[in-house]
Amino acid sequence: MAEEKYPINIWINEERYEKLKAVGLANMCEEMLAGLKVLRVYANDAQKDKILKVFPTAKFDSATTKSIELLPREVKDKMFDMVIEKKSIDIMEEFLSKY
């Protein structure tokens, strides 16, 4: 059975979209509400548990989206910066190694 993956949604504005285009990841964005874009970074079970422990405001939406919500803005900003730096959305292991 494939390992469960839980999305963290990072909202993408024009400035961020340009950065994603520059590193070849613009195609990873998904259109959401009213033309707003979102980039999904995924966490596995162990990473999800660590995120919920390290960031007390974070919540896991087990009922509907199975996503990790309510992370502080600066945390999502760091995730986005790491996506740009690594040119990949597969950043969670390295991101969490700093906590």
C-alpha atoms as a PDB file:
ATOM      1  CA  MET A   1       0.000   0.000   0.000  1.00  0.00           C
ATOM      2  CA  ALA A   2       1.296   3.459  -0.889  1.00  0.00           C
ATOM      3  CA  GLU A   3       2.229   5.730   1.972  1.00  0.00           C
ATOM      4  CA  GLU A   4      -0.354   8.359   2.811  1.00  0.00           C
ATOM      5  CA  LYS A   5       0.650  11.933   1.905  1.00  0.00           C
ATOM      6  CA  TYR A   6      -0.824  15.042   3.467  1.00  0.00           C
ATOM      7  CA  PRO A   7      -0.775  18.378   1.624  1.00  0.00           C
ATOM      8  CA  ILE A   8       0.256  21.729   3.020  1.00  0.00           C
ATOM      9  CA  ASN A   9      -1.217  24.458   0.825  1.00  0.00           C
ATOM     10  CA  ILE A  10       1.005  27.448   0.084  1.00  0.00           C
ATOM     11  CA  TRP A  11      -0.829  30.300  -1.626  1.00  0.00           C
ATOM     12  CA  ILE A  12       0.956  31.670  -4.674  1.00  0.00           C
ATOM     13  CA  ASN A  13       0.805  35.338  -5.617  1.00  0.00           C
ATOM     14  CA  GLU A  14       2.242  36.853  -8.801  1.00  0.00           C
ATOM     15  CA  GLU A  15       5.683  37.393  -7.269  1.00  0.00           C
ATOM     16  CA  ARG A  16       5.890  33.793  -6.059  1.00  0.00           C
ATOM     17  CA  TYR A  17       4.564  32.521  -9.387  1.00  0.00           C
ATOM     18  CA  GLU A  18       7.387  34.318 -11.202  1.00  0.00           C
ATOM     19  CA  LYS A  19       9.922  32.662  -8.856  1.00  0.00           C
ATOM     20  CA  LEU A  20       8.351  29.256  -9.542  1.00  0.00           C
ATOM     21  CA  LYS A  21       8.497  29.916 -13.298  1.00  0.00           C
ATOM     22  CA  ALA A  22      12.181  30.827 -12.976  1.00  0.00           C
ATOM     23  CA  VAL A  23      13.011  27.424 -11.442  1.00  0.00           C
ATOM     24  CA  GLY A  24      10.677  25.450 -13.714  1.00  0.00           C
ATOM     25  CA  LEU A  25       8.003  24.601 -11.124  1.00  0.00           C
ATOM     26  CA  ALA A  26       5.114  26.829 -12.237  1.00  0.00           C
ATOM     27  CA  ASN A  27       3.320  23.742 -13.559  1.00  0.00           C
ATOM     28  CA  MET A  28       3.101  22.419  -9.959  1.00  0.00           C
ATOM     29  CA  CYS A  29       0.578  25.142  -9.052  1.00  0.00           C
ATOM     30  CA  GLU A  30      -3.109  24.376  -9.001  1.00  0.00           C
ATOM     31  CA  GLU A  31      -5.858  26.903  -9.669  1.00  0.00           C
ATOM     32  CA  MET A  32      -8.106  27.396  -6.673  1.00  0.00           C
ATOM     33  CA  LEU A  33     -10.692  30.007  -5.771  1.00  0.00           C
ATOM     34  CA  ALA A  34     -11.234  32.860  -8.232  1.00  0.00           C
ATOM     35  CA  GLY A  35      -7.953  32.329 -10.063  1.00  0.00           C
ATOM     36  CA  LEU A  36      -5.819  32.100  -6.932  1.00  0.00           C
ATOM     37  CA  LYS A  37      -3.061  29.529  -7.178  1.00  0.00           C
ATOM     38  CA  VAL A  38      -1.825  27.084  -4.587  1.00  0.00           C
ATOM     39  CA  LEU A  39       1.323  25.000  -4.385  1.00  0.00           C
ATOM     40  CA  ARG A  40       1.039  21.767  -2.436  1.00  0.00           C
ATOM     41  CA  VAL A  41       3.979  20.474  -0.428  1.00  0.00           C
ATOM     42  CA  TYR A  42       3.431  17.016   1.025  1.00  0.00           C
ATOM     43  CA  ALA A  43       4.222  15.416   4.372  1.00  0.00           C
ATOM     44  CA  ASN A  44       4.101  11.706   5.205  1.00  0.00           C
ATOM     45  CA  ASP A  45       2.657  10.302   8.456  1.00  0.00           C
ATOM     46  CA  ALA A  46       5.791  10.772  10.564  1.00  0.00           C
ATOM     47  CA  GLN A  47       6.398  14.267   9.152  1.00  0.00           C
ATOM     48  CA  LYS A  48       2.757  15.240   9.790  1.00  0.00           C
ATOM     49  CA  ASP A  49       3.083  14.170  13.434  1.00  0.00           C
ATOM     50  CA  LYS A  50       6.308  16.154  13.836  1.00  0.00           C
ATOM     51  CA  ILE A  51       4.752  19.268  12.253  1.00  0.00           C
ATOM     52  CA  LEU A  52       1.800  19.075  14.647  1.00  0.00           C
ATOM     53  CA  LYS A  53       4.168  18.717  17.609  1.00  0.00           C
ATOM     54  CA  VAL A  54       6.646  21.456  16.578  1.00  0.00           C
ATOM     55  CA  PHE A  55       4.024  24.029  15.515  1.00  0.00           C
ATOM     56  CA  PRO A  56       1.244  24.178  18.153  1.00  0.00           C
ATOM     57  CA  THR A  57      -1.081  26.263  15.956  1.00  0.00           C
ATOM     58  CA  ALA A  58      -1.094  23.639  13.189  1.00  0.00           C
ATOM     59  CA  LYS A  59      -4.143  21.433  12.786  1.00  0.00           C
ATOM     60  CA  PHE A  60      -4.770  18.318  10.732  1.00  0.00           C
ATOM     61  CA  ASP A  61      -8.062  18.294   8.814  1.00  0.00           C
ATOM     62  CA  SER A  62      -8.905  14.612   9.138  1.00  0.00           C
ATOM     63  CA  ALA A  63     -12.545  15.124   8.153  1.00  0.00           C
ATOM     64  CA  THR A  64     -12.385  16.598   4.659  1.00  0.00           C
ATOM     65  CA  THR A  65      -9.153  17.616   2.928  1.00  0.00           C
ATOM     66  CA  LYS A  66      -6.653  15.465   4.883  1.00  0.00           C
ATOM     67  CA  SER A  67      -4.417  18.539   4.807  1.00  0.00           C
ATOM     68  CA  ILE A  68      -2.247  20.273   7.388  1.00  0.00           C
ATOM     69  CA  GLU A  69      -3.685  23.714   8.128  1.00  0.00           C
ATOM     70  CA  LEU A  70      -3.003  26.832  10.220  1.00  0.00           C
ATOM     71  CA  LEU A  71       0.771  26.810  10.008  1.00  0.00           C
ATOM     72  CA  PRO A  72       2.283  30.216  10.804  1.00  0.00           C
ATOM     73  CA  ARG A  73       2.916  32.356   7.739  1.00  0.00           C
ATOM     74  CA  GLU A  74       6.672  32.491   8.341  1.00  0.00           C
ATOM     75  CA  VAL A  75       6.792  28.679   8.358  1.00  0.00           C
ATOM     76  CA  LYS A  76       5.072  28.487   4.979  1.00  0.00           C
ATOM     77  CA  ASP A  77       7.375  31.259   3.723  1.00  0.00           C
ATOM     78  CA  LYS A  78      10.397  29.142   4.713  1.00  0.00           C
ATOM     79  CA  MET A  79       8.895  26.114   2.971  1.00  0.00           C
ATOM     80  CA  PHE A  80       8.337  28.154  -0.179  1.00  0.00           C
ATOM     81  CA  ASP A  81      11.902  29.515  -0.084  1.00  0.00           C
ATOM     82  CA  MET A  82      13.228  25.961   0.246  1.00  0.00           C
ATOM     83  CA  VAL A  83      11.110  24.813  -2.733  1.00  0.00           C
ATOM     84  CA  ILE A  84      12.724  27.576  -4.816  1.00  0.00           C
ATOM     85  CA  GLU A  85      16.219  26.803  -3.508  1.00  0.00           C
ATOM     86  CA  LYS A  86      15.894  23.028  -4.108  1.00  0.00           C
ATOM     87  CA  LYS A  87      13.807  23.387  -7.297  1.00  0.00           C
ATOM     88  CA  SER A  88      11.573  20.654  -5.906  1.00  0.00           C
ATOM     89  CA  ILE A  89       8.436  20.263  -3.794  1.00  0.00           C
ATOM     90  CA  ASP A  90      10.060  17.292  -2.039  1.00  0.00           C
ATOM     91  CA  ILE A  91      11.522  19.347   0.815  1.00  0.00           C
ATOM     92  CA  MET A  92       9.777  18.171   3.971  1.00  0.00           C
ATOM     93  CA  GLU A  93      12.492  15.833   5.333  1.00  0.00           C
ATOM     94  CA  GLU A  94      15.163  18.526   5.038  1.00  0.00           C
ATOM     95  CA  PHE A  95      12.805  21.256   6.252  1.00  0.00           C
ATOM     96  CA  LEU A  96      11.936  19.331   9.417  1.00  0.00           C
ATOM     97  CA  SER A  97      15.577  18.453  10.115  1.00  0.00           C
ATOM     98  CA  LYS A  98      15.995  22.080  11.242  1.00  0.00           C
ATOM     99  CA  TYR A  99      13.438  21.647  14.057  1.00  0.00           C
END
